[in-house]
């Protein structure tokens, strides 16, 4: 078995403004440790797949940042998309590149901007999935729900196909609060984290069957910009689970977090005695459950706050309640509307 890691680094989210900008999205931020999230992703799977068998797929705007964050990545393994076309074309492109070097390539497809608290358990789950996919199944890792989350899609597992590997009965859309409560109590349901393991040739075959335009564009030297923009879940995994039944799941409980907003940082960082996540030159006096990040080299002091995020990026400061941290994108929208692109 020849394992390759594929790190998807095409995201350009807005939930970490003012730290994240158009040229420096979330995956290049050191949100959980002292290293950027993409560097942590690279190092996390290095025991399974050396740098010589690691690939990164990104857009033109982020290629330089990838090279800076991952100096050991081989130059030919930085796969630059001409335009963003979502995860199905990006994964297909990685398959084509990997198969040119290694006809037996098995790919572990990893988001570049997640945090894993227990890397050993994560690698164990990946190895289980890698063994299980050798017959042609497409594997995904299902995360044991830690809370009734309404912001994630879910996977419903069926019969056990082999030890620790289960058939996927359905991909489930984001639920309402009451349904999410039921899913947490039911061991058949897992969070869909977008982590996949499969033989590269098996994925290309699935693309040929379910997304023939994508397959033809990738394998016949077509125009990448002309490919449809579609996710691997909608384009391949869901229809494959309803048809051949060759989608399988390895359940995992390894401290996964998608680090979705500033509100999530207390889940992945060391906290002070009152539950505050602090970095840089900060003072948090009589504060509870706050996130205070001084990233500009100057003192940031907070007094008497509870559940508030204070983020100093030097040229901009954000103050937002933790329970409204997802609304940071409204700031980005307002800046765009007012033409203040220098702050984006």
C-alpha atoms as a PDB file:
ATOM      1  CA  UNK A   1       0.000   0.000   0.000  1.00  0.00           C
ATOM      2  CA  UNK A   2       1.445   3.349  -1.098  1.00  0.00           C
ATOM      3  CA  UNK A   3      -0.016   6.153   1.004  1.00  0.00           C
ATOM      4  CA  UNK A   4      -0.045   9.749  -0.224  1.00  0.00           C
ATOM      5  CA  UNK A   5      -1.405  12.783   1.644  1.00  0.00           C
ATOM      6  CA  UNK A   6      -3.412  15.409  -0.248  1.00  0.00           C
ATOM      7  CA  UNK A   7      -3.930  18.661   1.632  1.00  0.00           C
ATOM      8  CA  UNK A   8      -6.703  20.860   0.285  1.00  0.00           C
ATOM      9  CA  UNK A   9      -5.698  24.486   0.832  1.00  0.00           C
ATOM     10  CA  UNK A  10      -8.089  26.338  -1.434  1.00  0.00           C
ATOM     11  CA  UNK A  11     -10.241  27.914   1.265  1.00  0.00           C
ATOM     12  CA  UNK A  12     -10.578  31.671   1.586  1.00  0.00           C
ATOM     13  CA  UNK A  13     -12.982  32.022   4.488  1.00  0.00           C
ATOM     14  CA  UNK A  14     -13.945  35.241   6.225  1.00  0.00           C
ATOM     15  CA  UNK A  15     -14.640  34.110   9.786  1.00  0.00           C
ATOM     16  CA  UNK A  16     -11.195  35.079  11.099  1.00  0.00           C
ATOM     17  CA  UNK A  17     -11.033  38.667   9.910  1.00  0.00           C
ATOM     18  CA  UNK A  18      -9.033  40.784  10.767  1.00  0.00           C
ATOM     19  CA  UNK A  19      -6.322  38.102  11.162  1.00  0.00           C
ATOM     20  CA  UNK A  20      -7.293  36.387   7.916  1.00  0.00           C
ATOM     21  CA  UNK A  21      -7.145  38.339   4.674  1.00  0.00           C
ATOM     22  CA  UNK A  22      -7.564  37.487   1.002  1.00  0.00           C
ATOM     23  CA  UNK A  23      -3.883  36.533   0.684  1.00  0.00           C
ATOM     24  CA  UNK A  24      -3.711  34.920   4.128  1.00  0.00           C
ATOM     25  CA  UNK A  25      -6.808  32.826   4.849  1.00  0.00           C
ATOM     26  CA  UNK A  26      -7.402  30.706   7.908  1.00  0.00           C
ATOM     27  CA  UNK A  27      -5.119  27.779   7.003  1.00  0.00           C
ATOM     28  CA  UNK A  28      -2.078  30.075   7.218  1.00  0.00           C
ATOM     29  CA  UNK A  29      -2.918  31.310  10.714  1.00  0.00           C
ATOM     30  CA  UNK A  30      -1.400  29.880  13.914  1.00  0.00           C
ATOM     31  CA  UNK A  31      -4.734  29.483  15.666  1.00  0.00           C
ATOM     32  CA  UNK A  32      -4.222  26.338  17.762  1.00  0.00           C
ATOM     33  CA  UNK A  33      -0.436  26.178  18.248  1.00  0.00           C
ATOM     34  CA  UNK A  34       2.581  28.255  17.326  1.00  0.00           C
ATOM     35  CA  UNK A  35       2.473  26.871  13.761  1.00  0.00           C
ATOM     36  CA  UNK A  36      -0.019  27.599  10.969  1.00  0.00           C
ATOM     37  CA  UNK A  37      -2.866  25.113  10.696  1.00  0.00           C
ATOM     38  CA  UNK A  38      -1.591  23.898   7.317  1.00  0.00           C
ATOM     39  CA  UNK A  39       1.848  23.164   8.803  1.00  0.00           C
ATOM     40  CA  UNK A  40       0.218  21.186  11.617  1.00  0.00           C
ATOM     41  CA  UNK A  41      -1.754  19.202   9.032  1.00  0.00           C
ATOM     42  CA  UNK A  42       1.440  18.422   7.115  1.00  0.00           C
ATOM     43  CA  UNK A  43       3.336  17.302  10.223  1.00  0.00           C
ATOM     44  CA  UNK A  44       0.397  15.298  11.574  1.00  0.00           C
ATOM     45  CA  UNK A  45       0.428  12.818   8.695  1.00  0.00           C
ATOM     46  CA  UNK A  46       4.169  12.787   8.041  1.00  0.00           C
ATOM     47  CA  UNK A  47       4.584   9.463   9.930  1.00  0.00           C
ATOM     48  CA  UNK A  48       2.210   7.890   7.370  1.00  0.00           C
ATOM     49  CA  UNK A  49       3.212   9.798   4.269  1.00  0.00           C
ATOM     50  CA  UNK A  50       6.592  11.465   3.911  1.00  0.00           C
ATOM     51  CA  UNK A  51       6.980  14.881   2.334  1.00  0.00           C
ATOM     52  CA  UNK A  52       7.936  13.097  -0.899  1.00  0.00           C
ATOM     53  CA  UNK A  53       4.402  11.658  -1.004  1.00  0.00           C
ATOM     54  CA  UNK A  54       2.507  14.739   0.129  1.00  0.00           C
ATOM     55  CA  UNK A  55       0.566  17.023  -2.208  1.00  0.00           C
ATOM     56  CA  UNK A  56      -1.105  20.394  -1.691  1.00  0.00           C
ATOM     57  CA  UNK A  57      -3.880  21.736  -3.922  1.00  0.00           C
ATOM     58  CA  UNK A  58      -4.433  25.494  -3.762  1.00  0.00           C
ATOM     59  CA  UNK A  59      -5.237  28.557  -5.848  1.00  0.00           C
ATOM     60  CA  UNK A  60      -2.782  30.931  -7.483  1.00  0.00           C
ATOM     61  CA  UNK A  61      -3.189  33.567  -4.766  1.00  0.00           C
ATOM     62  CA  UNK A  62      -2.028  31.182  -2.052  1.00  0.00           C
ATOM     63  CA  UNK A  63       0.817  29.290  -3.734  1.00  0.00           C
ATOM     64  CA  UNK A  64       3.530  31.491  -2.242  1.00  0.00           C
ATOM     65  CA  UNK A  65       2.038  31.161   1.240  1.00  0.00           C
ATOM     66  CA  UNK A  66       1.977  27.357   0.918  1.00  0.00           C
ATOM     67  CA  UNK A  67       5.648  27.314  -0.078  1.00  0.00           C
ATOM     68  CA  UNK A  68       6.526  29.509   2.889  1.00  0.00           C
ATOM     69  CA  UNK A  69       4.548  27.372   5.355  1.00  0.00           C
ATOM     70  CA  UNK A  70       5.736  24.019   3.949  1.00  0.00           C
ATOM     71  CA  UNK A  71       9.374  24.388   2.882  1.00  0.00           C
ATOM     72  CA  UNK A  72       9.825  20.589   2.664  1.00  0.00           C
ATOM     73  CA  UNK A  73       7.017  20.112   0.152  1.00  0.00           C
ATOM     74  CA  UNK A  74       8.495  19.026  -3.218  1.00  0.00           C
ATOM     75  CA  UNK A  75       8.039  21.773  -5.800  1.00  0.00           C
ATOM     76  CA  UNK A  76       6.105  19.530  -8.265  1.00  0.00           C
ATOM     77  CA  UNK A  77       3.706  18.533  -5.476  1.00  0.00           C
ATOM     78  CA  UNK A  78       2.220  21.995  -5.184  1.00  0.00           C
ATOM     79  CA  UNK A  79      -0.782  21.648  -7.486  1.00  0.00           C
ATOM     80  CA  UNK A  80      -2.139  25.094  -8.354  1.00  0.00           C
ATOM     81  CA  UNK A  81      -5.708  25.354  -9.609  1.00  0.00           C
ATOM     82  CA  UNK A  82      -6.169  28.002 -12.314  1.00  0.00           C
ATOM     83  CA  UNK A  83      -9.551  28.846 -10.758  1.00  0.00           C
ATOM     84  CA  UNK A  84     -11.487  27.587  -7.743  1.00  0.00           C
ATOM     85  CA  UNK A  85     -13.861  24.767  -8.686  1.00  0.00           C
ATOM     86  CA  UNK A  86     -14.753  23.226  -5.301  1.00  0.00           C
ATOM     87  CA  UNK A  87     -13.551  19.908  -3.938  1.00  0.00           C
ATOM     88  CA  UNK A  88     -14.530  17.400  -6.636  1.00  0.00           C
ATOM     89  CA  UNK A  89     -12.306  18.912  -9.376  1.00  0.00           C
ATOM     90  CA  UNK A  90      -9.570  19.651  -6.820  1.00  0.00           C
ATOM     91  CA  UNK A  91      -9.507  16.051  -5.588  1.00  0.00           C
ATOM     92  CA  UNK A  92      -9.669  14.740  -9.141  1.00  0.00           C
ATOM     93  CA  UNK A  93      -6.703  16.923 -10.070  1.00  0.00           C
ATOM     94  CA  UNK A  94      -4.726  15.484  -7.151  1.00  0.00           C
ATOM     95  CA  UNK A  95      -5.601  11.958  -8.289  1.00  0.00           C
ATOM     96  CA  UNK A  96      -4.295  12.644 -11.796  1.00  0.00           C
ATOM     97  CA  UNK A  97      -1.013  14.078 -10.489  1.00  0.00           C
ATOM     98  CA  UNK A  98      -0.444  11.301  -7.944  1.00  0.00           C
ATOM     99  CA  UNK A  99      -1.137   8.519 -10.453  1.00  0.00           C
ATOM    100  CA  UNK A 100       1.461   9.928 -12.844  1.00  0.00           C
ATOM    101  CA  UNK A 101       4.099   9.251 -10.197  1.00  0.00           C
ATOM    102  CA  UNK A 102       2.586   6.206  -8.530  1.00  0.00           C
ATOM    103  CA  UNK A 103      -0.002   3.948 -10.239  1.00  0.00           C
ATOM    104  CA  UNK A 104      -0.754   2.344  -6.859  1.00  0.00           C
ATOM    105  CA  UNK A 105      -1.356   5.595  -4.976  1.00  0.00           C
ATOM    106  CA  UNK A 106      -3.817   5.570  -2.085  1.00  0.00           C
ATOM    107  CA  UNK A 107      -4.779   9.106  -1.105  1.00  0.00           C
ATOM    108  CA  UNK A 108      -5.624  10.546   2.302  1.00  0.00           C
ATOM    109  CA  UNK A 109      -7.498  13.782   1.539  1.00  0.00           C
ATOM    110  CA  UNK A 110      -7.259  16.290   4.377  1.00  0.00           C
ATOM    111  CA  UNK A 111      -8.603  19.798   4.918  1.00  0.00           C
ATOM    112  CA  UNK A 112      -5.732  22.172   5.644  1.00  0.00           C
ATOM    113  CA  UNK A 113      -7.441  24.162   8.404  1.00  0.00           C
ATOM    114  CA  UNK A 114      -8.573  21.658  11.042  1.00  0.00           C
ATOM    115  CA  UNK A 115      -7.130  20.815  14.459  1.00  0.00           C
ATOM    116  CA  UNK A 116      -6.616  17.311  15.856  1.00  0.00           C
ATOM    117  CA  UNK A 117      -5.931  17.000  19.581  1.00  0.00           C
ATOM    118  CA  UNK A 118      -4.910  13.319  19.463  1.00  0.00           C
ATOM    119  CA  UNK A 119      -2.812  12.755  16.320  1.00  0.00           C
ATOM    120  CA  UNK A 120      -1.973   9.120  17.160  1.00  0.00           C
ATOM    121  CA  UNK A 121      -5.652   8.169  17.221  1.00  0.00           C
ATOM    122  CA  UNK A 122      -6.177  10.129  14.015  1.00  0.00           C
ATOM    123  CA  UNK A 123      -3.394   8.250  12.256  1.00  0.00           C
ATOM    124  CA  UNK A 124      -4.818   4.940  13.496  1.00  0.00           C
ATOM    125  CA  UNK A 125      -8.180   5.805  11.906  1.00  0.00           C
ATOM    126  CA  UNK A 126      -6.481   6.794   8.640  1.00  0.00           C
ATOM    127  CA  UNK A 127      -4.570   3.512   8.524  1.00  0.00           C
ATOM    128  CA  UNK A 128      -7.759   1.534   9.139  1.00  0.00           C
ATOM    129  CA  UNK A 129      -9.421   3.419   6.281  1.00  0.00           C
ATOM    130  CA  UNK A 130      -6.414   2.910   4.012  1.00  0.00           C
ATOM    131  CA  UNK A 131      -6.532  -0.851   4.497  1.00  0.00           C
ATOM    132  CA  UNK A 132     -10.288  -0.942   3.973  1.00  0.00           C
ATOM    133  CA  UNK A 133     -10.206   0.996   0.693  1.00  0.00           C
ATOM    134  CA  UNK A 134      -7.892  -1.376  -1.167  1.00  0.00           C
ATOM    135  CA  UNK A 135     -10.846  -3.261  -2.679  1.00  0.00           C
ATOM    136  CA  UNK A 136     -12.115  -0.059  -4.294  1.00  0.00           C
ATOM    137  CA  UNK A 137     -14.358   1.420  -1.603  1.00  0.00           C
ATOM    138  CA  UNK A 138     -14.251   5.162  -0.949  1.00  0.00           C
ATOM    139  CA  UNK A 139     -13.693   5.761   2.770  1.00  0.00           C
ATOM    140  CA  UNK A 140     -14.555   8.716   4.940  1.00  0.00           C
ATOM    141  CA  UNK A 141     -13.819   9.397   8.599  1.00  0.00           C
ATOM    142  CA  UNK A 142     -16.877  10.031  10.751  1.00  0.00           C
ATOM    143  CA  UNK A 143     -16.328  12.133  13.863  1.00  0.00           C
ATOM    144  CA  UNK A 144     -18.079  11.156  17.077  1.00  0.00           C
ATOM    145  CA  UNK A 145     -20.369  14.124  17.866  1.00  0.00           C
ATOM    146  CA  UNK A 146     -19.318  16.028  20.970  1.00  0.00           C
ATOM    147  CA  UNK A 147     -22.448  18.196  21.062  1.00  0.00           C
ATOM    148  CA  UNK A 148     -25.755  18.655  19.188  1.00  0.00           C
ATOM    149  CA  UNK A 149     -24.165  20.660  16.380  1.00  0.00           C
ATOM    150  CA  UNK A 150     -26.527  22.163  13.789  1.00  0.00           C
ATOM    151  CA  UNK A 151     -23.748  23.598  11.630  1.00  0.00           C
ATOM    152  CA  UNK A 152     -22.338  20.282  10.365  1.00  0.00           C
ATOM    153  CA  UNK A 153     -23.549  17.621   7.984  1.00  0.00           C
ATOM    154  CA  UNK A 154     -23.829  14.098   9.383  1.00  0.00           C
ATOM    155  CA  UNK A 155     -23.172  10.560   8.187  1.00  0.00           C
ATOM    156  CA  UNK A 156     -25.469   7.655   9.071  1.00  0.00           C
ATOM    157  CA  UNK A 157     -23.655   4.378   9.246  1.00  0.00           C
ATOM    158  CA  UNK A 158     -25.078   0.948   8.554  1.00  0.00           C
ATOM    159  CA  UNK A 159     -23.746  -2.579   8.856  1.00  0.00           C
ATOM    160  CA  UNK A 160     -20.167  -3.307   9.848  1.00  0.00           C
ATOM    161  CA  UNK A 161     -18.249  -4.365   6.720  1.00  0.00           C
ATOM    162  CA  UNK A 162     -15.026  -5.311   8.502  1.00  0.00           C
ATOM    163  CA  UNK A 163     -13.654  -4.630  11.993  1.00  0.00           C
ATOM    164  CA  UNK A 164     -14.029  -0.897  12.643  1.00  0.00           C
ATOM    165  CA  UNK A 165     -15.381  -0.159   9.141  1.00  0.00           C
ATOM    166  CA  UNK A 166     -19.067   0.492   8.433  1.00  0.00           C
ATOM    167  CA  UNK A 167     -21.204   1.025   5.353  1.00  0.00           C
ATOM    168  CA  UNK A 168     -22.517   4.574   4.910  1.00  0.00           C
ATOM    169  CA  UNK A 169     -26.298   4.518   4.571  1.00  0.00           C
ATOM    170  CA  UNK A 170     -26.784   8.239   4.031  1.00  0.00           C
ATOM    171  CA  UNK A 171     -25.245  11.673   3.970  1.00  0.00           C
ATOM    172  CA  UNK A 172     -27.490  13.806   6.169  1.00  0.00           C
ATOM    173  CA  UNK A 173     -27.970  17.558   5.766  1.00  0.00           C
ATOM    174  CA  UNK A 174     -27.416  19.992   8.630  1.00  0.00           C
ATOM    175  CA  UNK A 175     -30.170  19.249  11.177  1.00  0.00           C
ATOM    176  CA  UNK A 176     -32.312  21.488  13.349  1.00  0.00           C
ATOM    177  CA  UNK A 177     -31.586  21.625  17.085  1.00  0.00           C
ATOM    178  CA  UNK A 178     -34.048  18.893  18.100  1.00  0.00           C
ATOM    179  CA  UNK A 179     -32.788  16.503  15.423  1.00  0.00           C
ATOM    180  CA  UNK A 180     -29.165  17.218  16.362  1.00  0.00           C
ATOM    181  CA  UNK A 181     -29.986  16.223  19.943  1.00  0.00           C
ATOM    182  CA  UNK A 182     -31.226  12.868  18.650  1.00  0.00           C
ATOM    183  CA  UNK A 183     -28.107  12.361  16.545  1.00  0.00           C
ATOM    184  CA  UNK A 184     -25.792  12.877  19.531  1.00  0.00           C
ATOM    185  CA  UNK A 185     -27.551  10.072  21.390  1.00  0.00           C
ATOM    186  CA  UNK A 186     -27.568   7.693  18.407  1.00  0.00           C
ATOM    187  CA  UNK A 187     -24.192   5.980  17.740  1.00  0.00           C
ATOM    188  CA  UNK A 188     -25.157   5.516  14.083  1.00  0.00           C
ATOM    189  CA  UNK A 189     -24.582   9.222  13.404  1.00  0.00           C
ATOM    190  CA  UNK A 190     -21.254  10.968  12.974  1.00  0.00           C
ATOM    191  CA  UNK A 191     -20.096  14.405  11.900  1.00  0.00           C
ATOM    192  CA  UNK A 192     -18.963  14.651   8.295  1.00  0.00           C
ATOM    193  CA  UNK A 193     -15.542  16.304   8.522  1.00  0.00           C
ATOM    194  CA  UNK A 194     -14.579  16.033   4.846  1.00  0.00           C
ATOM    195  CA  UNK A 195     -11.671  13.632   5.451  1.00  0.00           C
ATOM    196  CA  UNK A 196     -11.421  10.887   2.807  1.00  0.00           C
ATOM    197  CA  UNK A 197      -9.223   7.878   2.001  1.00  0.00           C
ATOM    198  CA  UNK A 198      -9.360   5.997  -1.307  1.00  0.00           C
ATOM    199  CA  UNK A 199      -7.305   4.540  -4.091  1.00  0.00           C
ATOM    200  CA  UNK A 200      -6.681   7.291  -6.612  1.00  0.00           C
ATOM    201  CA  UNK A 201      -7.796   5.105  -9.516  1.00  0.00           C
ATOM    202  CA  UNK A 202     -11.039   4.242  -7.691  1.00  0.00           C
ATOM    203  CA  UNK A 203     -11.873   7.907  -7.222  1.00  0.00           C
ATOM    204  CA  UNK A 204     -11.182   8.686 -10.881  1.00  0.00           C
ATOM    205  CA  UNK A 205     -13.499   5.829 -11.826  1.00  0.00           C
ATOM    206  CA  UNK A 206     -16.201   7.251  -9.562  1.00  0.00           C
ATOM    207  CA  UNK A 207     -15.719  10.679 -11.146  1.00  0.00           C
ATOM    208  CA  UNK A 208     -16.081   9.097 -14.584  1.00  0.00           C
ATOM    209  CA  UNK A 209     -19.416   7.569 -13.582  1.00  0.00           C
ATOM    210  CA  UNK A 210     -20.925  10.429 -11.598  1.00  0.00           C
ATOM    211  CA  UNK A 211     -19.233  13.561 -12.977  1.00  0.00           C
ATOM    212  CA  UNK A 212     -18.203  12.677 -16.525  1.00  0.00           C
ATOM    213  CA  UNK A 213     -17.562  16.321 -17.472  1.00  0.00           C
ATOM    214  CA  UNK A 214     -15.093  16.667 -14.578  1.00  0.00           C
ATOM    215  CA  UNK A 215     -13.419  13.375 -15.428  1.00  0.00           C
ATOM    216  CA  UNK A 216     -13.067  14.246 -19.100  1.00  0.00           C
ATOM    217  CA  UNK A 217     -11.704  17.700 -18.330  1.00  0.00           C
ATOM    218  CA  UNK A 218      -9.077  16.295 -15.969  1.00  0.00           C
ATOM    219  CA  UNK A 219      -7.925  13.322 -18.024  1.00  0.00           C
ATOM    220  CA  UNK A 220      -8.088  14.820 -21.529  1.00  0.00           C
ATOM    221  CA  UNK A 221      -6.089  18.000 -20.813  1.00  0.00           C
ATOM    222  CA  UNK A 222      -9.272  20.068 -20.937  1.00  0.00           C
ATOM    223  CA  UNK A 223      -9.881  23.564 -19.654  1.00  0.00           C
ATOM    224  CA  UNK A 224      -9.981  23.402 -15.847  1.00  0.00           C
ATOM    225  CA  UNK A 225     -11.861  26.702 -15.741  1.00  0.00           C
ATOM    226  CA  UNK A 226     -14.660  25.112 -17.758  1.00  0.00           C
ATOM    227  CA  UNK A 227     -15.263  22.359 -15.200  1.00  0.00           C
ATOM    228  CA  UNK A 228     -18.417  22.521 -13.079  1.00  0.00           C
ATOM    229  CA  UNK A 229     -17.967  23.721  -9.503  1.00  0.00           C
ATOM    230  CA  UNK A 230     -19.216  20.936  -7.244  1.00  0.00           C
ATOM    231  CA  UNK A 231     -18.226  19.355  -3.952  1.00  0.00           C
ATOM    232  CA  UNK A 232     -17.014  15.785  -3.682  1.00  0.00           C
ATOM    233  CA  UNK A 233     -19.885  15.038  -1.265  1.00  0.00           C
ATOM    234  CA  UNK A 234     -22.652  16.101  -3.646  1.00  0.00           C
ATOM    235  CA  UNK A 235     -20.890  15.011  -6.814  1.00  0.00           C
ATOM    236  CA  UNK A 236     -19.524  11.591  -5.865  1.00  0.00           C
ATOM    237  CA  UNK A 237     -19.949  10.398  -2.283  1.00  0.00           C
ATOM    238  CA  UNK A 238     -23.726  10.835  -1.954  1.00  0.00           C
ATOM    239  CA  UNK A 239     -24.704   9.299  -5.304  1.00  0.00           C
ATOM    240  CA  UNK A 240     -22.182   6.490  -4.828  1.00  0.00           C
ATOM    241  CA  UNK A 241     -23.658   5.671  -1.400  1.00  0.00           C
ATOM    242  CA  UNK A 242     -27.114   5.335  -2.991  1.00  0.00           C
ATOM    243  CA  UNK A 243     -25.878   3.272  -5.897  1.00  0.00           C
ATOM    244  CA  UNK A 244     -23.013   0.827  -5.525  1.00  0.00           C
ATOM    245  CA  UNK A 245     -22.851   1.027  -1.760  1.00  0.00           C
ATOM    246  CA  UNK A 246     -19.093   1.412  -1.963  1.00  0.00           C
ATOM    247  CA  UNK A 247     -18.920   4.288   0.510  1.00  0.00           C
ATOM    248  CA  UNK A 248     -17.655   3.238   3.938  1.00  0.00           C
ATOM    249  CA  UNK A 249     -16.883   4.961   7.195  1.00  0.00           C
ATOM    250  CA  UNK A 250     -14.308   4.636   9.941  1.00  0.00           C
ATOM    251  CA  UNK A 251     -15.595   6.262  13.138  1.00  0.00           C
ATOM    252  CA  UNK A 252     -13.109   8.437  14.961  1.00  0.00           C
ATOM    253  CA  UNK A 253     -12.801  10.138  18.319  1.00  0.00           C
ATOM    254  CA  UNK A 254      -9.505  12.036  18.203  1.00  0.00           C
ATOM    255  CA  UNK A 255     -10.279  15.560  19.351  1.00  0.00           C
ATOM    256  CA  UNK A 256     -11.271  16.968  15.961  1.00  0.00           C
ATOM    257  CA  UNK A 257     -12.186  20.628  15.557  1.00  0.00           C
ATOM    258  CA  UNK A 258     -12.772  22.578  12.367  1.00  0.00           C
ATOM    259  CA  UNK A 259     -11.743  25.726  14.302  1.00  0.00           C
ATOM    260  CA  UNK A 260     -14.741  27.416  12.759  1.00  0.00           C
ATOM    261  CA  UNK A 261     -14.494  30.844  14.367  1.00  0.00           C
ATOM    262  CA  UNK A 262     -12.770  32.812  17.116  1.00  0.00           C
ATOM    263  CA  UNK A 263     -15.362  31.322  19.494  1.00  0.00           C
ATOM    264  CA  UNK A 264     -13.797  27.879  18.973  1.00  0.00           C
ATOM    265  CA  UNK A 265     -10.298  28.860  20.085  1.00  0.00           C
ATOM    266  CA  UNK A 266     -10.884  27.977  23.769  1.00  0.00           C
ATOM    267  CA  UNK A 267     -11.522  24.401  22.567  1.00  0.00           C
ATOM    268  CA  UNK A 268      -8.060  24.088  21.006  1.00  0.00           C
ATOM    269  CA  UNK A 269      -5.804  26.363  23.092  1.00  0.00           C
ATOM    270  CA  UNK A 270      -4.494  26.352  26.615  1.00  0.00           C
ATOM    271  CA  UNK A 271      -6.613  28.573  28.837  1.00  0.00           C
ATOM    272  CA  UNK A 272      -5.908  30.654  31.894  1.00  0.00           C
ATOM    273  CA  UNK A 273      -7.572  29.934  35.233  1.00  0.00           C
ATOM    274  CA  UNK A 274     -10.779  31.712  34.171  1.00  0.00           C
ATOM    275  CA  UNK A 275     -11.143  30.070  30.790  1.00  0.00           C
ATOM    276  CA  UNK A 276      -9.663  32.830  28.662  1.00  0.00           C
ATOM    277  CA  UNK A 277      -7.684  32.112  25.477  1.00  0.00           C
ATOM    278  CA  UNK A 278      -4.914  34.711  25.329  1.00  0.00           C
ATOM    279  CA  UNK A 279      -1.967  35.381  23.064  1.00  0.00           C
ATOM    280  CA  UNK A 280       0.548  38.173  22.680  1.00  0.00           C
ATOM    281  CA  UNK A 281       0.924  41.046  25.124  1.00  0.00           C
ATOM    282  CA  UNK A 282      -2.437  40.830  26.902  1.00  0.00           C
ATOM    283  CA  UNK A 283      -4.003  41.617  30.245  1.00  0.00           C
ATOM    284  CA  UNK A 284      -7.337  40.009  31.092  1.00  0.00           C
ATOM    285  CA  UNK A 285      -8.574  41.366  34.418  1.00  0.00           C
ATOM    286  CA  UNK A 286     -11.796  39.950  35.864  1.00  0.00           C
ATOM    287  CA  UNK A 287     -12.568  38.343  32.501  1.00  0.00           C
ATOM    288  CA  UNK A 288     -14.208  34.974  31.939  1.00  0.00           C
ATOM    289  CA  UNK A 289     -14.392  32.872  28.792  1.00  0.00           C
ATOM    290  CA  UNK A 290     -12.864  35.522  26.543  1.00  0.00           C
ATOM    291  CA  UNK A 291     -10.581  35.346  23.528  1.00  0.00           C
ATOM    292  CA  UNK A 292      -7.985  38.142  23.531  1.00  0.00           C
ATOM    293  CA  UNK A 293      -5.362  38.056  20.769  1.00  0.00           C
ATOM    294  CA  UNK A 294      -2.710  40.758  20.562  1.00  0.00           C
ATOM    295  CA  UNK A 295      -1.102  40.022  17.209  1.00  0.00           C
ATOM    296  CA  UNK A 296       0.327  43.474  16.496  1.00  0.00           C
ATOM    297  CA  UNK A 297       2.980  43.647  19.204  1.00  0.00           C
ATOM    298  CA  UNK A 298       1.176  46.111  21.415  1.00  0.00           C
ATOM    299  CA  UNK A 299      -0.592  45.628  24.728  1.00  0.00           C
ATOM    300  CA  UNK A 300      -4.274  44.743  24.667  1.00  0.00           C
ATOM    301  CA  UNK A 301      -6.037  45.011  28.033  1.00  0.00           C
ATOM    302  CA  UNK A 302      -9.551  43.758  28.782  1.00  0.00           C
ATOM    303  CA  UNK A 303     -11.392  44.367  32.047  1.00  0.00           C
ATOM    304  CA  UNK A 304     -14.631  42.869  33.313  1.00  0.00           C
ATOM    305  CA  UNK A 305     -15.621  41.069  30.134  1.00  0.00           C
ATOM    306  CA  UNK A 306     -17.419  37.754  29.799  1.00  0.00           C
ATOM    307  CA  UNK A 307     -17.617  35.755  26.593  1.00  0.00           C
ATOM    308  CA  UNK A 308     -16.097  38.415  24.332  1.00  0.00           C
ATOM    309  CA  UNK A 309     -13.511  38.168  21.548  1.00  0.00           C
ATOM    310  CA  UNK A 310     -11.005  41.031  21.206  1.00  0.00           C
ATOM    311  CA  UNK A 311      -8.685  40.681  18.215  1.00  0.00           C
ATOM    312  CA  UNK A 312      -5.945  43.217  17.419  1.00  0.00           C
ATOM    313  CA  UNK A 313      -4.380  42.749  13.966  1.00  0.00           C
ATOM    314  CA  UNK A 314      -2.517  46.036  13.899  1.00  0.00           C
ATOM    315  CA  UNK A 315      -4.436  47.809  11.154  1.00  0.00           C
ATOM    316  CA  UNK A 316      -7.827  46.673  12.459  1.00  0.00           C
ATOM    317  CA  UNK A 317      -9.403  45.639  15.752  1.00  0.00           C
ATOM    318  CA  UNK A 318     -12.410  43.344  16.129  1.00  0.00           C
ATOM    319  CA  UNK A 319     -14.632  43.181  19.209  1.00  0.00           C
ATOM    320  CA  UNK A 320     -17.481  40.652  19.092  1.00  0.00           C
ATOM    321  CA  UNK A 321     -19.387  38.480  21.597  1.00  0.00           C
ATOM    322  CA  UNK A 322     -18.287  34.847  21.370  1.00  0.00           C
ATOM    323  CA  UNK A 323     -21.835  33.734  20.634  1.00  0.00           C
ATOM    324  CA  UNK A 324     -21.880  36.006  17.588  1.00  0.00           C
ATOM    325  CA  UNK A 325     -18.402  35.182  16.294  1.00  0.00           C
ATOM    326  CA  UNK A 326     -19.887  33.688  13.121  1.00  0.00           C
ATOM    327  CA  UNK A 327     -21.161  37.166  12.258  1.00  0.00           C
ATOM    328  CA  UNK A 328     -17.634  38.421  11.540  1.00  0.00           C
ATOM    329  CA  UNK A 329     -18.379  37.840   7.868  1.00  0.00           C
ATOM    330  CA  UNK A 330     -20.802  40.784   8.117  1.00  0.00           C
ATOM    331  CA  UNK A 331     -17.772  43.037   8.659  1.00  0.00           C
ATOM    332  CA  UNK A 332     -16.169  41.660   5.490  1.00  0.00           C
ATOM    333  CA  UNK A 333     -19.399  42.238   3.569  1.00  0.00           C
ATOM    334  CA  UNK A 334     -19.602  45.818   4.869  1.00  0.00           C
ATOM    335  CA  UNK A 335     -16.006  46.518   3.874  1.00  0.00           C
ATOM    336  CA  UNK A 336     -16.649  45.193   0.384  1.00  0.00           C
ATOM    337  CA  UNK A 337     -19.830  47.246   0.074  1.00  0.00           C
ATOM    338  CA  UNK A 338     -17.972  50.424   1.044  1.00  0.00           C
ATOM    339  CA  UNK A 339     -15.041  49.698  -1.287  1.00  0.00           C
ATOM    340  CA  UNK A 340     -12.489  49.356   1.521  1.00  0.00           C
ATOM    341  CA  UNK A 341     -10.646  46.509  -0.173  1.00  0.00           C
ATOM    342  CA  UNK A 342      -7.322  47.461   1.406  1.00  0.00           C
ATOM    343  CA  UNK A 343      -8.617  45.934   4.657  1.00  0.00           C
ATOM    344  CA  UNK A 344      -9.545  42.661   2.991  1.00  0.00           C
END
